[in-house]
Protein backbone atom coordinates (compact mmCIF):
# COMPACT_ATOMS: atom_id res chain seq x y z
CA MET A 1 61.22 58.85 -87.37
CA ARG A 2 61.97 58.68 -83.84
CA LYS A 3 64.57 61.57 -82.28
CA THR A 4 65.87 62.29 -79.12
CA VAL A 5 65.46 66.08 -77.84
CA HIS A 6 68.11 67.39 -74.77
CA SER A 7 68.82 71.29 -73.65
CA GLU A 8 71.42 72.01 -71.53
CA GLN A 9 69.07 74.70 -70.83
CA ALA A 10 66.36 73.16 -69.29
CA PRO A 11 66.85 70.45 -66.17
CA LYS A 12 68.02 67.23 -66.39
CA ALA A 13 65.93 64.82 -66.01
CA ILE A 14 66.13 62.92 -63.08
CA GLY A 15 64.64 59.16 -64.17
CA PRO A 16 65.53 56.90 -67.00
CA TYR A 17 63.87 58.93 -69.78
CA SER A 18 63.85 61.69 -72.61
CA GLN A 19 63.29 65.37 -71.88
CA ALA A 20 61.60 65.14 -74.68
CA ILE A 21 61.17 62.83 -78.47
CA ILE A 22 60.65 64.08 -82.07
CA SER A 23 58.60 61.69 -83.95
CA ASP A 24 56.98 62.75 -87.26
CA GLY A 25 56.78 66.15 -86.73
CA MET A 26 55.37 66.43 -83.53
CA LEU A 27 57.74 67.15 -80.49
CA TYR A 28 56.78 65.07 -76.95
CA CYS A 29 58.05 66.46 -73.64
CA SER A 30 58.04 65.21 -71.18
CA GLY A 31 56.86 66.49 -67.36
CA GLN A 32 58.07 69.60 -66.40
CA LEU A 33 58.81 70.97 -62.88
CA GLY A 34 58.91 74.24 -61.99
CA LEU A 35 62.96 73.04 -61.94
CA ASP A 36 65.26 76.43 -61.92
CA PRO A 37 67.93 74.22 -64.72
CA ALA A 38 71.54 75.72 -62.97
CA THR A 39 70.64 74.37 -59.59
CA GLY A 40 68.47 71.24 -60.12
CA LYS A 41 66.07 72.68 -56.71
CA ILE A 42 62.25 74.22 -57.39
CA VAL A 43 61.78 77.68 -57.52
CA PRO A 44 60.80 79.57 -54.54
CA GLY A 45 57.63 81.95 -55.15
CA GLY A 46 54.93 79.01 -54.95
CA ILE A 47 52.27 78.53 -57.80
CA GLU A 48 52.70 80.95 -59.96
CA ALA A 49 56.18 80.20 -59.58
CA GLU A 50 56.63 77.74 -60.75
CA THR A 51 54.80 77.00 -63.06
CA ARG A 52 56.56 79.89 -64.52
CA GLN A 53 59.71 78.24 -64.49
CA ALA A 54 57.85 75.42 -66.41
CA LEU A 55 57.15 76.82 -69.15
CA ARG A 56 59.73 78.14 -69.68
CA ASN A 57 61.32 74.84 -69.22
CA LEU A 58 59.54 73.76 -71.29
CA GLN A 59 59.75 76.13 -73.77
CA LYS A 60 64.25 75.62 -73.08
CA VAL A 61 62.97 71.72 -74.79
CA ALA A 62 61.02 72.69 -77.95
CA GLU A 63 63.73 75.56 -78.66
CA ALA A 64 66.28 72.69 -78.97
CA ALA A 65 63.67 70.63 -80.58
CA GLY A 66 63.95 74.32 -83.71
CA GLY A 67 59.98 74.40 -81.91
CA ASP A 68 58.12 76.88 -80.04
CA LEU A 69 55.83 76.51 -76.84
CA LYS A 70 53.29 77.99 -78.28
CA ASN A 71 52.50 75.20 -81.29
CA ALA A 72 51.56 73.00 -78.24
CA VAL A 73 48.56 71.33 -79.98
CA ARG A 74 47.77 69.44 -76.04
CA CYS A 75 49.04 70.32 -72.58
CA GLY A 76 48.87 67.91 -69.99
CA VAL A 77 48.83 69.45 -66.27
CA PHE A 78 49.58 68.22 -63.23
CA VAL A 79 48.86 69.90 -59.59
CA ILE A 80 49.02 69.41 -55.71
CA ASP A 81 46.27 71.26 -54.99
CA LEU A 82 43.24 73.32 -57.17
CA ALA A 83 42.44 75.26 -54.59
CA GLU A 84 45.65 76.87 -56.98
CA PHE A 85 44.56 76.88 -60.61
CA PRO A 86 42.93 80.75 -60.35
CA GLN A 87 46.77 81.50 -60.14
CA LEU A 88 48.00 78.59 -61.75
CA ASN A 89 45.50 79.00 -64.59
CA ALA A 90 46.68 83.42 -64.40
CA VAL A 91 49.97 81.99 -65.44
CA TYR A 92 49.28 79.95 -68.14
CA ALA A 93 47.33 82.01 -69.56
CA GLU A 94 50.52 84.79 -70.18
CA HIS A 95 52.56 82.48 -72.13
CA PHE A 96 48.68 81.03 -73.56
CA ARG A 97 46.69 84.39 -74.83
CA THR A 98 45.50 83.02 -77.98
CA ASP A 99 45.30 80.01 -79.68
CA ALA A 100 45.43 78.15 -76.47
CA PRO A 101 46.50 73.90 -76.82
CA ALA A 102 44.24 72.12 -75.42
CA ARG A 103 44.21 71.26 -71.83
CA THR A 104 44.08 68.76 -69.06
CA THR A 105 44.55 69.30 -65.80
CA VAL A 106 44.27 66.82 -62.42
CA GLN A 107 44.91 67.43 -59.58
CA VAL A 108 47.29 64.54 -58.27
CA ALA A 109 48.58 62.87 -54.37
CA LYS A 110 52.11 63.72 -54.83
CA LEU A 111 55.11 65.12 -57.95
CA PRO A 112 59.11 65.08 -57.59
CA LEU A 113 60.85 66.94 -55.81
CA GLY A 114 57.94 68.54 -53.87
CA GLY A 115 57.18 70.25 -57.14
CA ARG A 116 53.23 71.83 -56.85
CA VAL A 117 52.54 71.92 -60.98
CA GLU A 118 54.16 69.98 -63.68
CA ILE A 119 53.23 70.27 -66.89
CA ASP A 120 54.22 68.42 -70.35
CA ALA A 121 53.84 68.92 -74.06
CA ILE A 122 52.93 68.23 -77.84
CA ILE A 123 54.12 69.76 -79.70
CA ARG A 124 53.87 71.21 -83.89
CA LEU A 125 57.18 71.20 -84.93
């Protein structure tokens, strides 16, 4: 079984991909930037604001699939400056207070639309 998931409360895909796919009881979420779904622009306020918005966007996609980001088993975090890792981690910890998912964090040269952070997730439904 494979089903495409779309949430109107999360930013529209900016390329040829789905917001998420359900397969075998798992939700595979595409990366989310700190985009405001209403404007399609990166939220102001730097790494903290962008991280909060990216996680909020992932939550909305999870909800559209009948899930919750708290059930994530793995997240991938892509950031343009690892010097901002402590600020990113602080916001991330607000969303995953206990039993945080497995995670990879990688510094990248550039992200779409000038974003500072992009986060993807695999969530158990």
